[in-house]
Amino acid sequence: MEDLAGIAIVLVILFSALVAGYQSIDRLFNPQPITCLGWLALAGLIGFVGNELVAVFRIRVGREINSAALVADGYHARTDGLMSLAVMAGAIGVGLGFPLADPVVGLLITLAIFGIVWQSAKAVLTRMLDGIDPAIIGEIRHAATHVSGIQRVLDVKARWLGHKLHADVAILVDSTPPVAQADELGKKLKQGMVTHIPALSVITVRCQGTNEVLPGLDNQT
């Protein structure tokens, strides 16, 4: 549901961009007089400030709880703010004697919204396709360097499920350790990983001794 919500929000932002672009082009060819410029500019300013405050809050919280959908929704609020900013800028331009300022500014804002569409879609679709930030893999490998007894990390896989991160780690240890020792190494590694990446929820650690070959795993990885 997290992924589907993110896609829905991206589509809403895209729809906003298309409507803004259509309206701006229509006003270029069919200009209309604008009245109450002062009130129009004030309304645009209030709309921009309000939506930007909401956008900053949603994006910050979305990153804290690892919600791509909430981050995308924050960008949606920012899109609304940009639309309000276009209203204010257009009103100022018309007031200064440039009647086409309103649609021209609208087109510029439309381009900015398409940029937000691209940014949001990239984040949401990457997570849907099990993409993972390389920095997260790097943090997992780094956590292993702080655990005595681990020679190196053979393989790391990770994926997002909703707000939580699942990871599978294969490590190389000296010889073939007893089960109790391997279990202790796994616990230490898990603790270090959670310290570095609090979003980790499920962690699977597989130990391989230097004198054994783990099926399906390249020992030189």
N, C-alpha and C. Protein backbone atom coordinates (compact mmCIF):
# COMPACT_ATOMS: atom_id res chain seq x y z
N MET A 1 0.83 -1.21 0.00
CA MET A 1 0.00 0.00 0.00
C MET A 1 0.86 1.26 0.00
N GLU A 2 2.01 1.17 0.66
CA GLU A 2 2.93 2.32 0.67
C GLU A 2 3.34 2.68 -0.75
N ASP A 3 3.70 1.66 -1.54
CA ASP A 3 4.14 1.90 -2.92
C ASP A 3 3.00 2.43 -3.78
N LEU A 4 1.81 1.86 -3.60
CA LEU A 4 0.66 2.30 -4.39
C LEU A 4 0.28 3.74 -4.06
N ALA A 5 0.37 4.10 -2.78
CA ALA A 5 0.08 5.48 -2.38
C ALA A 5 1.08 6.44 -3.02
N GLY A 6 2.35 6.03 -3.06
CA GLY A 6 3.37 6.88 -3.68
C GLY A 6 3.09 7.11 -5.16
N ILE A 7 2.70 6.04 -5.87
CA ILE A 7 2.38 6.17 -7.29
C ILE A 7 1.19 7.09 -7.49
N ALA A 8 0.16 6.96 -6.64
CA ALA A 8 -1.03 7.81 -6.75
C ALA A 8 -0.67 9.28 -6.59
N ILE A 9 0.20 9.57 -5.63
CA ILE A 9 0.60 10.97 -5.39
C ILE A 9 1.39 11.51 -6.57
N VAL A 10 2.29 10.69 -7.13
CA VAL A 10 3.05 11.13 -8.30
C VAL A 10 2.11 11.46 -9.46
N LEU A 11 1.08 10.64 -9.66
CA LEU A 11 0.11 10.90 -10.73
C LEU A 11 -0.66 12.19 -10.48
N VAL A 12 -0.98 12.48 -9.22
CA VAL A 12 -1.67 13.73 -8.90
C VAL A 12 -0.78 14.93 -9.21
N ILE A 13 0.51 14.83 -8.87
CA ILE A 13 1.44 15.93 -9.18
C ILE A 13 1.55 16.11 -10.68
N LEU A 14 1.63 15.00 -11.42
CA LEU A 14 1.69 15.07 -12.88
C LEU A 14 0.44 15.75 -13.44
N PHE A 15 -0.72 15.40 -12.90
CA PHE A 15 -1.96 16.02 -13.35
C PHE A 15 -1.94 17.53 -13.09
N SER A 16 -1.40 17.93 -11.94
CA SER A 16 -1.29 19.37 -11.63
C SER A 16 -0.42 20.08 -12.66
N ALA A 17 0.68 19.43 -13.03
CA ALA A 17 1.58 20.03 -14.02
C ALA A 17 0.89 20.19 -15.37
N LEU A 18 0.15 19.18 -15.78
CA LEU A 18 -0.55 19.24 -17.07
C LEU A 18 -1.62 20.32 -17.08
N VAL A 19 -2.37 20.43 -15.97
CA VAL A 19 -3.40 21.47 -15.88
C VAL A 19 -2.77 22.85 -15.90
N ALA A 20 -1.70 23.03 -15.15
CA ALA A 20 -1.03 24.33 -15.11
C ALA A 20 -0.50 24.71 -16.49
N GLY A 21 0.10 23.73 -17.18
CA GLY A 21 0.62 24.01 -18.52
C GLY A 21 -0.49 24.35 -19.49
N TYR A 22 -1.59 23.61 -19.44
CA TYR A 22 -2.72 23.88 -20.34
C TYR A 22 -3.29 25.27 -20.10
N GLN A 23 -3.50 25.61 -18.82
CA GLN A 23 -4.07 26.91 -18.50
C GLN A 23 -3.14 28.04 -18.95
N SER A 24 -1.85 27.87 -18.75
CA SER A 24 -0.89 28.91 -19.14
C SER A 24 -0.87 29.12 -20.64
N ILE A 25 -0.85 28.03 -21.41
CA ILE A 25 -0.84 28.15 -22.88
C ILE A 25 -2.15 28.78 -23.37
N ASP A 26 -3.26 28.38 -22.74
CA ASP A 26 -4.55 28.96 -23.13
C ASP A 26 -4.57 30.46 -22.90
N ARG A 27 -4.00 30.91 -21.76
CA ARG A 27 -3.98 32.34 -21.48
C ARG A 27 -3.04 33.11 -22.41
N LEU A 28 -2.04 32.44 -22.94
CA LEU A 28 -1.16 33.11 -23.90
C LEU A 28 -1.92 33.47 -25.17
N PHE A 29 -2.77 32.56 -25.64
CA PHE A 29 -3.51 32.78 -26.87
C PHE A 29 -4.86 33.46 -26.64
N ASN A 30 -5.37 33.35 -25.42
CA ASN A 30 -6.64 33.98 -25.08
C ASN A 30 -6.50 34.78 -23.78
N PRO A 31 -5.77 35.88 -23.85
CA PRO A 31 -5.56 36.66 -22.62
C PRO A 31 -6.87 37.20 -22.05
N GLN A 32 -6.93 37.25 -20.72
CA GLN A 32 -8.11 37.76 -20.04
C GLN A 32 -7.69 38.79 -19.00
N PRO A 33 -8.50 39.81 -18.82
CA PRO A 33 -8.14 40.85 -17.84
C PRO A 33 -8.17 40.29 -16.42
N ILE A 34 -7.22 40.76 -15.60
CA ILE A 34 -7.12 40.32 -14.20
C ILE A 34 -7.43 41.52 -13.31
N THR A 35 -8.32 41.33 -12.37
CA THR A 35 -8.70 42.41 -11.45
C THR A 35 -8.29 42.05 -10.02
N CYS A 36 -8.42 43.06 -9.13
CA CYS A 36 -8.08 42.87 -7.70
C CYS A 36 -6.67 42.31 -7.55
N LEU A 37 -5.71 42.97 -8.20
CA LEU A 37 -4.34 42.45 -8.22
C LEU A 37 -3.74 42.35 -6.82
N GLY A 38 -4.04 43.33 -5.95
CA GLY A 38 -3.49 43.31 -4.60
C GLY A 38 -3.94 42.10 -3.80
N TRP A 39 -5.25 41.84 -3.83
CA TRP A 39 -5.78 40.68 -3.13
C TRP A 39 -5.25 39.38 -3.74
N LEU A 40 -5.10 39.40 -5.08
CA LEU A 40 -4.61 38.22 -5.77
C LEU A 40 -3.18 37.89 -5.34
N ALA A 41 -2.34 38.92 -5.27
CA ALA A 41 -0.95 38.72 -4.85
C ALA A 41 -0.88 38.26 -3.40
N LEU A 42 -1.72 38.85 -2.54
CA LEU A 42 -1.73 38.46 -1.13
C LEU A 42 -2.16 37.00 -0.96
N ALA A 43 -3.20 36.61 -1.70
CA ALA A 43 -3.66 35.22 -1.63
C ALA A 43 -2.58 34.26 -2.11
N GLY A 44 -1.86 34.65 -3.17
CA GLY A 44 -0.78 33.82 -3.67
C GLY A 44 0.34 33.66 -2.65
N LEU A 45 0.67 34.76 -1.97
CA LEU A 45 1.73 34.72 -0.96
C LEU A 45 1.34 33.82 0.21
N ILE A 46 0.11 33.98 0.69
CA ILE A 46 -0.36 33.15 1.80
C ILE A 46 -0.37 31.67 1.41
N GLY A 47 -0.85 31.40 0.19
CA GLY A 47 -0.88 30.01 -0.28
C GLY A 47 0.51 29.41 -0.39
N PHE A 48 1.47 30.20 -0.87
CA PHE A 48 2.84 29.71 -1.01
C PHE A 48 3.45 29.40 0.35
N VAL A 49 3.35 30.34 1.28
CA VAL A 49 3.95 30.15 2.61
C VAL A 49 3.32 28.95 3.33
N GLY A 50 1.99 28.87 3.29
CA GLY A 50 1.30 27.78 3.97
C GLY A 50 1.67 26.42 3.40
N ASN A 51 1.65 26.30 2.08
CA ASN A 51 1.98 25.02 1.46
C ASN A 51 3.44 24.63 1.64
N GLU A 52 4.34 25.61 1.63
CA GLU A 52 5.76 25.31 1.81
C GLU A 52 6.03 24.80 3.24
N LEU A 53 5.35 25.40 4.23
CA LEU A 53 5.51 24.93 5.60
C LEU A 53 5.03 23.47 5.73
N VAL A 54 3.89 23.18 5.10
CA VAL A 54 3.37 21.81 5.12
C VAL A 54 4.33 20.87 4.38
N ALA A 55 4.88 21.33 3.26
CA ALA A 55 5.79 20.49 2.47
C ALA A 55 7.04 20.14 3.27
N VAL A 56 7.63 21.13 3.92
CA VAL A 56 8.84 20.90 4.71
C VAL A 56 8.56 19.89 5.82
N PHE A 57 7.42 20.05 6.50
CA PHE A 57 7.06 19.14 7.58
C PHE A 57 6.87 17.71 7.08
N ARG A 58 6.12 17.56 5.99
CA ARG A 58 5.85 16.21 5.47
C ARG A 58 7.13 15.53 4.98
N ILE A 59 7.96 16.28 4.27
CA ILE A 59 9.20 15.69 3.75
C ILE A 59 10.12 15.27 4.89
N ARG A 60 10.23 16.12 5.92
CA ARG A 60 11.09 15.78 7.05
C ARG A 60 10.60 14.53 7.79
N VAL A 61 9.30 14.50 8.08
CA VAL A 61 8.74 13.34 8.79
C VAL A 61 8.81 12.09 7.90
N GLY A 62 8.54 12.25 6.60
CA GLY A 62 8.60 11.12 5.69
C GLY A 62 9.98 10.49 5.66
N ARG A 63 11.03 11.32 5.70
CA ARG A 63 12.39 10.79 5.72
C ARG A 63 12.71 10.15 7.06
N GLU A 64 12.15 10.70 8.13
CA GLU A 64 12.40 10.12 9.46
C GLU A 64 11.80 8.73 9.59
N ILE A 65 10.60 8.53 9.02
CA ILE A 65 9.94 7.23 9.15
C ILE A 65 10.13 6.38 7.89
N ASN A 66 10.97 6.86 6.97
CA ASN A 66 11.29 6.12 5.74
C ASN A 66 10.05 5.84 4.89
N SER A 67 9.21 6.86 4.74
CA SER A 67 8.00 6.72 3.93
C SER A 67 8.16 7.49 2.63
N ALA A 68 8.34 6.77 1.53
CA ALA A 68 8.47 7.41 0.22
C ALA A 68 7.17 8.11 -0.16
N ALA A 69 6.03 7.53 0.26
CA ALA A 69 4.74 8.12 -0.07
C ALA A 69 4.56 9.47 0.61
N LEU A 70 4.95 9.57 1.88
CA LEU A 70 4.80 10.83 2.60
C LEU A 70 5.75 11.88 2.05
N VAL A 71 6.94 11.48 1.67
CA VAL A 71 7.87 12.42 1.04
C VAL A 71 7.28 12.94 -0.27
N ALA A 72 6.71 12.03 -1.06
CA ALA A 72 6.08 12.44 -2.32
C ALA A 72 4.91 13.38 -2.05
N ASP A 73 4.16 13.11 -0.98
CA ASP A 73 3.04 13.99 -0.62
C ASP A 73 3.55 15.36 -0.21
N GLY A 74 4.73 15.40 0.41
CA GLY A 74 5.35 16.68 0.73
C GLY A 74 5.67 17.47 -0.53
N TYR A 75 6.17 16.76 -1.54
CA TYR A 75 6.44 17.43 -2.81
C TYR A 75 5.15 17.87 -3.49
N HIS A 76 4.07 17.13 -3.25
CA HIS A 76 2.77 17.55 -3.77
C HIS A 76 2.37 18.89 -3.17
N ALA A 77 2.55 19.03 -1.84
CA ALA A 77 2.25 20.31 -1.19
C ALA A 77 3.13 21.42 -1.74
N ARG A 78 4.39 21.07 -2.01
CA ARG A 78 5.30 22.08 -2.58
C ARG A 78 4.82 22.49 -3.98
N THR A 79 4.26 21.55 -4.72
CA THR A 79 3.69 21.87 -6.03
C THR A 79 2.57 22.90 -5.90
N ASP A 80 1.68 22.68 -4.92
CA ASP A 80 0.60 23.64 -4.68
C ASP A 80 1.17 25.01 -4.31
N GLY A 81 2.25 25.01 -3.54
CA GLY A 81 2.89 26.27 -3.18
C GLY A 81 3.46 26.99 -4.38
N LEU A 82 4.05 26.24 -5.30
CA LEU A 82 4.58 26.84 -6.51
C LEU A 82 3.46 27.45 -7.37
N MET A 83 2.32 26.79 -7.40
CA MET A 83 1.18 27.34 -8.12
C MET A 83 0.75 28.68 -7.52
N SER A 84 0.73 28.74 -6.19
CA SER A 84 0.38 29.99 -5.51
C SER A 84 1.42 31.06 -5.80
N LEU A 85 2.69 30.65 -5.84
CA LEU A 85 3.76 31.60 -6.15
C LEU A 85 3.59 32.15 -7.57
N ALA A 86 3.15 31.30 -8.48
CA ALA A 86 2.91 31.75 -9.85
C ALA A 86 1.80 32.79 -9.89
N VAL A 87 0.76 32.57 -9.09
CA VAL A 87 -0.34 33.54 -9.01
C VAL A 87 0.19 34.89 -8.54
N MET A 88 1.00 34.88 -7.49
CA MET A 88 1.55 36.13 -6.95
C MET A 88 2.46 36.82 -7.97
N ALA A 89 3.37 36.05 -8.58
CA ALA A 89 4.30 36.64 -9.55
C ALA A 89 3.55 37.18 -10.76
N GLY A 90 2.53 36.46 -11.21
CA GLY A 90 1.74 36.93 -12.35
C GLY A 90 1.01 38.22 -12.03
N ALA A 91 0.46 38.31 -10.82
CA ALA A 91 -0.25 39.53 -10.41
C ALA A 91 0.70 40.72 -10.37
N ILE A 92 1.91 40.50 -9.86
CA ILE A 92 2.90 41.59 -9.81
C ILE A 92 3.27 42.02 -11.22
N GLY A 93 3.49 41.05 -12.11
CA GLY A 93 3.86 41.39 -13.48
C GLY A 93 2.77 42.15 -14.20
N VAL A 94 1.51 41.73 -14.02
CA VAL A 94 0.40 42.45 -14.65
C VAL A 94 0.29 43.86 -14.08
N GLY A 95 0.51 43.98 -12.77
CA GLY A 95 0.46 45.30 -12.14
C GLY A 95 1.54 46.23 -12.66
N LEU A 96 2.67 45.68 -13.08
CA LEU A 96 3.76 46.50 -13.62
C LEU A 96 3.59 46.80 -15.10
N GLY A 97 2.50 46.31 -15.69
CA GLY A 97 2.22 46.63 -17.09
C GLY A 97 2.58 45.56 -18.08
N PHE A 98 2.73 44.33 -17.62
CA PHE A 98 3.05 43.22 -18.53
C PHE A 98 1.90 42.20 -18.47
N PRO A 99 0.89 42.36 -19.31
CA PRO A 99 -0.30 41.51 -19.23
C PRO A 99 -0.03 40.02 -19.48
N LEU A 100 1.06 39.70 -20.20
CA LEU A 100 1.38 38.29 -20.45
C LEU A 100 2.24 37.68 -19.36
N ALA A 101 2.53 38.46 -18.32
CA ALA A 101 3.37 37.94 -17.24
C ALA A 101 2.72 36.73 -16.56
N ASP A 102 1.40 36.76 -16.41
CA ASP A 102 0.70 35.68 -15.71
C ASP A 102 0.88 34.34 -16.42
N PRO A 103 0.58 34.20 -17.71
CA PRO A 103 0.78 32.90 -18.37
C PRO A 103 2.24 32.50 -18.51
N VAL A 104 3.14 33.49 -18.71
CA VAL A 104 4.56 33.17 -18.85
C VAL A 104 5.10 32.58 -17.55
N VAL A 105 4.76 33.22 -16.43
CA VAL A 105 5.18 32.69 -15.13
C VAL A 105 4.56 31.31 -14.92
N GLY A 106 3.32 31.14 -15.36
CA GLY A 106 2.66 29.85 -15.23
C GLY A 106 3.42 28.75 -15.96
N LEU A 107 3.93 29.05 -17.14
CA LEU A 107 4.71 28.06 -17.89
C LEU A 107 6.02 27.72 -17.18
N LEU A 108 6.67 28.73 -16.60
CA LEU A 108 7.91 28.48 -15.86
C LEU A 108 7.64 27.59 -14.64
N ILE A 109 6.56 27.87 -13.94
CA ILE A 109 6.20 27.05 -12.79
C ILE A 109 5.85 25.63 -13.24
N THR A 110 5.22 25.50 -14.41
CA THR A 110 4.90 24.17 -14.94
C THR A 110 6.16 23.34 -15.12
N LEU A 111 7.21 23.96 -15.65
CA LEU A 111 8.48 23.25 -15.83
C LEU A 111 9.04 22.81 -14.48
N ALA A 112 8.91 23.69 -13.47
CA ALA A 112 9.38 23.35 -12.13
C ALA A 112 8.60 22.16 -11.56
N ILE A 113 7.31 22.13 -11.82
CA ILE A 113 6.48 21.02 -11.32
C ILE A 113 6.86 19.72 -12.00
N PHE A 114 7.16 19.78 -13.31
CA PHE A 114 7.61 18.56 -14.00
C PHE A 114 8.91 18.04 -13.38
N GLY A 115 9.77 18.96 -12.92
CA GLY A 115 10.98 18.55 -12.23
C GLY A 115 10.65 17.81 -10.94
N ILE A 116 9.65 18.28 -10.22
CA ILE A 116 9.21 17.61 -8.99
C ILE A 116 8.61 16.24 -9.32
N VAL A 117 7.87 16.17 -10.43
CA VAL A 117 7.31 14.88 -10.86
C VAL A 117 8.43 13.87 -11.07
N TRP A 118 9.48 14.29 -11.76
CA TRP A 118 10.61 13.39 -12.05
C TRP A 118 11.28 12.94 -10.75
N GLN A 119 11.52 13.89 -9.85
CA GLN A 119 12.19 13.58 -8.59
C GLN A 119 11.36 12.61 -7.75
N SER A 120 10.07 12.86 -7.66
CA SER A 120 9.19 12.00 -6.85
C SER A 120 9.04 10.62 -7.48
N ALA A 121 8.83 10.59 -8.80
CA ALA A 121 8.66 9.31 -9.49
C ALA A 121 9.90 8.45 -9.37
N LYS A 122 11.06 9.06 -9.47
CA LYS A 122 12.32 8.31 -9.36
C LYS A 122 12.43 7.64 -8.00
N ALA A 123 12.10 8.39 -6.92
CA ALA A 123 12.20 7.83 -5.57
C ALA A 123 11.19 6.70 -5.35
N VAL A 124 9.94 6.93 -5.78
CA VAL A 124 8.88 5.95 -5.55
C VAL A 124 9.11 4.69 -6.39
N LEU A 125 9.42 4.86 -7.67
CA LEU A 125 9.59 3.70 -8.55
C LEU A 125 10.84 2.90 -8.19
N THR A 126 11.89 3.58 -7.76
CA THR A 126 13.10 2.86 -7.33
C THR A 126 12.78 1.93 -6.18
N ARG A 127 12.00 2.42 -5.21
CA ARG A 127 11.64 1.58 -4.07
C ARG A 127 10.70 0.45 -4.50
N MET A 128 9.77 0.74 -5.41
CA MET A 128 8.85 -0.30 -5.90
C MET A 128 9.61 -1.44 -6.58
N LEU A 129 10.69 -1.10 -7.27
CA LEU A 129 11.47 -2.09 -8.01
C LEU A 129 12.60 -2.67 -7.17
N ASP A 130 12.48 -2.52 -5.84
CA ASP A 130 13.47 -3.07 -4.90
C ASP A 130 14.84 -2.42 -5.07
N GLY A 131 14.86 -1.18 -5.55
CA GLY A 131 16.12 -0.46 -5.60
C GLY A 131 16.53 -0.04 -4.19
N ILE A 132 17.82 0.09 -3.97
CA ILE A 132 18.32 0.45 -2.64
C ILE A 132 19.45 1.46 -2.80
N ASP A 133 19.50 2.41 -1.90
CA ASP A 133 20.56 3.42 -1.92
C ASP A 133 21.90 2.72 -1.67
N PRO A 134 22.89 2.88 -2.55
CA PRO A 134 24.21 2.25 -2.33
C PRO A 134 24.82 2.61 -0.99
N ALA A 135 24.46 3.79 -0.46
CA ALA A 135 25.02 4.19 0.84
C ALA A 135 24.56 3.24 1.94
N ILE A 136 23.36 2.69 1.82
CA ILE A 136 22.86 1.75 2.84
C ILE A 136 23.68 0.46 2.81
N ILE A 137 23.98 -0.04 1.62
CA ILE A 137 24.83 -1.22 1.51
C ILE A 137 26.20 -0.93 2.10
N GLY A 138 26.70 0.27 1.84
CA GLY A 138 28.00 0.66 2.40
C GLY A 138 27.98 0.69 3.92
N GLU A 139 26.88 1.18 4.50
CA GLU A 139 26.75 1.23 5.97
C GLU A 139 26.73 -0.18 6.56
N ILE A 140 26.06 -1.11 5.88
CA ILE A 140 26.00 -2.48 6.36
C ILE A 140 27.41 -3.10 6.34
N ARG A 141 28.12 -2.90 5.25
CA ARG A 141 29.49 -3.42 5.17
C ARG A 141 30.38 -2.77 6.22
N HIS A 142 30.17 -1.48 6.45
CA HIS A 142 30.98 -0.77 7.45
C HIS A 142 30.73 -1.32 8.85
N ALA A 143 29.48 -1.67 9.15
CA ALA A 143 29.15 -2.20 10.47
C ALA A 143 29.93 -3.47 10.76
N ALA A 144 30.19 -4.28 9.72
CA ALA A 144 30.90 -5.55 9.90
C ALA A 144 32.36 -5.33 10.30
N THR A 145 32.94 -4.20 9.93
CA THR A 145 34.34 -3.93 10.26
C THR A 145 34.54 -3.71 11.75
N HIS A 146 33.46 -3.43 12.49
CA HIS A 146 33.57 -3.18 13.93
C HIS A 146 33.37 -4.46 14.76
N VAL A 147 33.15 -5.59 14.10
CA VAL A 147 32.90 -6.84 14.81
C VAL A 147 34.14 -7.73 14.69
N SER A 148 34.76 -8.01 15.83
CA SER A 148 35.94 -8.87 15.84
C SER A 148 35.55 -10.29 15.48
N GLY A 149 36.32 -10.90 14.60
CA GLY A 149 36.05 -12.27 14.18
C GLY A 149 35.52 -12.37 12.77
N ILE A 150 35.06 -11.25 12.22
CA ILE A 150 34.57 -11.22 10.85
C ILE A 150 35.70 -10.78 9.93
N GLN A 151 36.10 -11.66 9.02
CA GLN A 151 37.18 -11.32 8.10
C GLN A 151 36.71 -10.30 7.05
N ARG A 152 35.57 -10.59 6.45
CA ARG A 152 35.03 -9.66 5.46
C ARG A 152 33.59 -10.04 5.15
N VAL A 153 32.91 -9.14 4.48
CA VAL A 153 31.53 -9.37 4.07
C VAL A 153 31.55 -9.92 2.65
N LEU A 154 30.93 -11.09 2.48
CA LEU A 154 30.90 -11.72 1.16
C LEU A 154 29.80 -11.17 0.27
N ASP A 155 28.64 -10.92 0.87
CA ASP A 155 27.50 -10.51 0.05
C ASP A 155 26.49 -9.77 0.92
N VAL A 156 25.85 -8.76 0.33
CA VAL A 156 24.81 -7.99 1.04
C VAL A 156 23.63 -7.78 0.10
N LYS A 157 22.46 -8.08 0.59
CA LYS A 157 21.23 -7.79 -0.16
C LYS A 157 20.28 -7.06 0.79
N ALA A 158 19.55 -6.10 0.27
CA ALA A 158 18.59 -5.36 1.11
C ALA A 158 17.43 -4.89 0.26
N ARG A 159 16.27 -4.75 0.88
CA ARG A 159 15.09 -4.23 0.18
C ARG A 159 14.16 -3.60 1.20
N TRP A 160 13.35 -2.65 0.71
CA TRP A 160 12.36 -2.00 1.55
C TRP A 160 11.04 -2.75 1.50
N LEU A 161 10.40 -2.90 2.65
CA LEU A 161 9.02 -3.38 2.74
C LEU A 161 8.26 -2.35 3.56
N GLY A 162 7.52 -1.48 2.86
CA GLY A 162 6.86 -0.38 3.57
C GLY A 162 7.89 0.58 4.13
N HIS A 163 7.84 0.81 5.46
CA HIS A 163 8.78 1.73 6.09
C HIS A 163 10.01 1.01 6.63
N LYS A 164 10.05 -0.32 6.51
CA LYS A 164 11.11 -1.10 7.13
C LYS A 164 12.05 -1.69 6.09
N LEU A 165 13.30 -1.86 6.54
CA LEU A 165 14.34 -2.37 5.66
C LEU A 165 14.69 -3.80 6.07
N HIS A 166 14.73 -4.71 5.09
CA HIS A 166 15.11 -6.10 5.32
C HIS A 166 16.48 -6.32 4.68
N ALA A 167 17.36 -7.03 5.39
CA ALA A 167 18.72 -7.22 4.88
C ALA A 167 19.15 -8.67 5.04
N ASP A 168 19.95 -9.14 4.09
CA ASP A 168 20.54 -10.47 4.12
C ASP A 168 22.04 -10.30 3.92
N VAL A 169 22.84 -10.78 4.90
CA VAL A 169 24.29 -10.56 4.88
C VAL A 169 25.01 -11.89 5.02
N ALA A 170 25.99 -12.11 4.17
CA ALA A 170 26.86 -13.29 4.26
C ALA A 170 28.25 -12.82 4.66
N ILE A 171 28.81 -13.42 5.72
CA ILE A 171 30.12 -12.99 6.21
C ILE A 171 31.11 -14.15 6.20
N LEU A 172 32.39 -13.82 6.08
CA LEU A 172 33.46 -14.81 6.12
C LEU A 172 34.14 -14.72 7.48
N VAL A 173 34.25 -15.87 8.16
CA VAL A 173 34.88 -15.91 9.48
C VAL A 173 36.02 -16.93 9.45
N ASP A 174 36.85 -16.92 10.50
CA ASP A 174 37.98 -17.84 10.59
C ASP A 174 37.49 -19.29 10.71
N SER A 175 38.05 -20.17 9.90
CA SER A 175 37.74 -21.61 9.90
C SER A 175 36.24 -21.84 9.89
N THR A 176 35.76 -22.84 10.61
CA THR A 176 34.33 -23.11 10.73
C THR A 176 33.96 -22.99 12.20
N PRO A 177 33.36 -21.86 12.63
CA PRO A 177 33.11 -21.64 14.05
C PRO A 177 31.98 -22.54 14.56
N PRO A 178 32.00 -22.87 15.87
CA PRO A 178 30.87 -23.59 16.47
C PRO A 178 29.59 -22.77 16.30
N VAL A 179 28.47 -23.45 16.42
CA VAL A 179 27.19 -22.77 16.23
C VAL A 179 27.03 -21.61 17.20
N ALA A 180 27.41 -21.81 18.45
CA ALA A 180 27.25 -20.75 19.46
C ALA A 180 28.09 -19.53 19.11
N GLN A 181 29.31 -19.75 18.62
CA GLN A 181 30.18 -18.62 18.26
C GLN A 181 29.64 -17.90 17.03
N ALA A 182 29.17 -18.64 16.06
CA ALA A 182 28.60 -18.03 14.86
C ALA A 182 27.36 -17.21 15.21
N ASP A 183 26.55 -17.74 16.14
CA ASP A 183 25.35 -17.03 16.57
C ASP A 183 25.72 -15.72 17.26
N GLU A 184 26.78 -15.77 18.07
CA GLU A 184 27.22 -14.56 18.78
C GLU A 184 27.74 -13.50 17.80
N LEU A 185 28.49 -13.95 16.79
CA LEU A 185 28.96 -13.01 15.77
C LEU A 185 27.78 -12.37 15.03
N GLY A 186 26.77 -13.19 14.73
CA GLY A 186 25.59 -12.67 14.05
C GLY A 186 24.87 -11.63 14.89
N LYS A 187 24.76 -11.88 16.20
CA LYS A 187 24.08 -10.92 17.09
C LYS A 187 24.84 -9.61 17.15
N LYS A 188 26.18 -9.69 17.26
CA LYS A 188 26.98 -8.46 17.31
C LYS A 188 26.85 -7.66 16.01
N LEU A 189 26.85 -8.38 14.89
CA LEU A 189 26.72 -7.70 13.61
C LEU A 189 25.35 -7.03 13.49
N LYS A 190 24.30 -7.72 13.92
CA LYS A 190 22.95 -7.15 13.86
C LYS A 190 22.86 -5.89 14.70
N GLN A 191 23.45 -5.91 15.90
CA GLN A 191 23.42 -4.74 16.77
C GLN A 191 24.13 -3.55 16.11
N GLY A 192 25.28 -3.85 15.49
CA GLY A 192 26.01 -2.78 14.81
C GLY A 192 25.25 -2.23 13.62
N MET A 193 24.57 -3.11 12.88
CA MET A 193 23.81 -2.66 11.72
C MET A 193 22.65 -1.78 12.12
N VAL A 194 21.93 -2.17 13.18
CA VAL A 194 20.79 -1.37 13.64
C VAL A 194 21.26 -0.01 14.15
N THR A 195 22.45 0.01 14.78
CA THR A 195 23.01 1.28 15.26
C THR A 195 23.27 2.23 14.09
N HIS A 196 23.80 1.69 12.99
CA HIS A 196 24.10 2.51 11.82
C HIS A 196 22.86 2.82 11.00
N ILE A 197 21.90 1.86 10.96
CA ILE A 197 20.70 2.02 10.12
C ILE A 197 19.47 1.65 10.96
N PRO A 198 18.89 2.60 11.67
CA PRO A 198 17.74 2.30 12.55
C PRO A 198 16.53 1.72 11.82
N ALA A 199 16.42 1.94 10.52
CA ALA A 199 15.25 1.46 9.78
C ALA A 199 15.26 -0.05 9.58
N LEU A 200 16.39 -0.70 9.85
CA LEU A 200 16.47 -2.15 9.67
C LEU A 200 15.50 -2.86 10.60
N SER A 201 14.72 -3.76 10.03
CA SER A 201 13.71 -4.48 10.81
C SER A 201 14.01 -5.98 10.87
N VAL A 202 14.34 -6.57 9.73
CA VAL A 202 14.64 -7.99 9.66
C VAL A 202 16.05 -8.16 9.09
N ILE A 203 16.90 -8.89 9.83
CA ILE A 203 18.29 -9.08 9.40
C ILE A 203 18.62 -10.57 9.43
N THR A 204 19.08 -11.09 8.30
CA THR A 204 19.53 -12.48 8.23
C THR A 204 21.03 -12.48 8.02
N VAL A 205 21.76 -13.15 8.92
CA VAL A 205 23.22 -13.21 8.82
C VAL A 205 23.62 -14.66 8.57
N ARG A 206 24.43 -14.89 7.54
CA ARG A 206 24.93 -16.23 7.22
C ARG A 206 26.45 -16.24 7.37
N CYS A 207 26.95 -17.18 8.15
CA CYS A 207 28.39 -17.28 8.39
C CYS A 207 29.00 -18.36 7.50
N GLN A 208 30.15 -18.03 6.93
CA GLN A 208 30.89 -19.01 6.13
C GLN A 208 32.32 -19.05 6.65
N GLY A 209 32.78 -20.25 6.96
CA GLY A 209 34.16 -20.42 7.41
C GLY A 209 35.12 -20.40 6.24
N THR A 210 36.38 -20.12 6.52
CA THR A 210 37.37 -20.06 5.44
C THR A 210 37.63 -21.42 4.81
N ASN A 211 37.23 -22.50 5.51
CA ASN A 211 37.46 -23.83 4.95
C ASN A 211 36.20 -24.49 4.45
N GLU A 212 35.17 -23.67 4.15
CA GLU A 212 33.94 -24.24 3.60
C GLU A 212 33.45 -23.36 2.46
N VAL A 213 32.60 -23.92 1.64
CA VAL A 213 32.04 -23.19 0.52
C VAL A 213 30.54 -23.12 0.72
N LEU A 214 29.99 -21.94 0.71
CA LEU A 214 28.56 -21.77 0.87
C LEU A 214 27.87 -21.94 -0.48
N PRO A 215 26.94 -22.87 -0.61
CA PRO A 215 26.30 -23.14 -1.91
C PRO A 215 25.70 -21.87 -2.51
N GLY A 216 25.99 -21.67 -3.80
CA GLY A 216 25.39 -20.54 -4.51
C GLY A 216 26.06 -19.23 -4.24
N LEU A 217 27.17 -19.20 -3.47
CA LEU A 217 27.82 -17.93 -3.13
C LEU A 217 29.25 -17.93 -3.64
N ASP A 218 29.59 -16.92 -4.40
CA ASP A 218 30.94 -16.80 -4.93
C ASP A 218 31.88 -16.39 -3.80
N ASN A 219 32.86 -17.22 -3.50
CA ASN A 219 33.76 -16.95 -2.38
C ASN A 219 34.66 -15.76 -2.65
N GLN A 220 34.74 -15.31 -3.89
CA GLN A 220 35.60 -14.18 -4.22
C GLN A 220 34.83 -12.86 -4.33
N THR A 221 33.52 -12.87 -4.02
CA THR A 221 32.71 -11.65 -4.16
C THR A 221 33.25 -10.56 -3.25
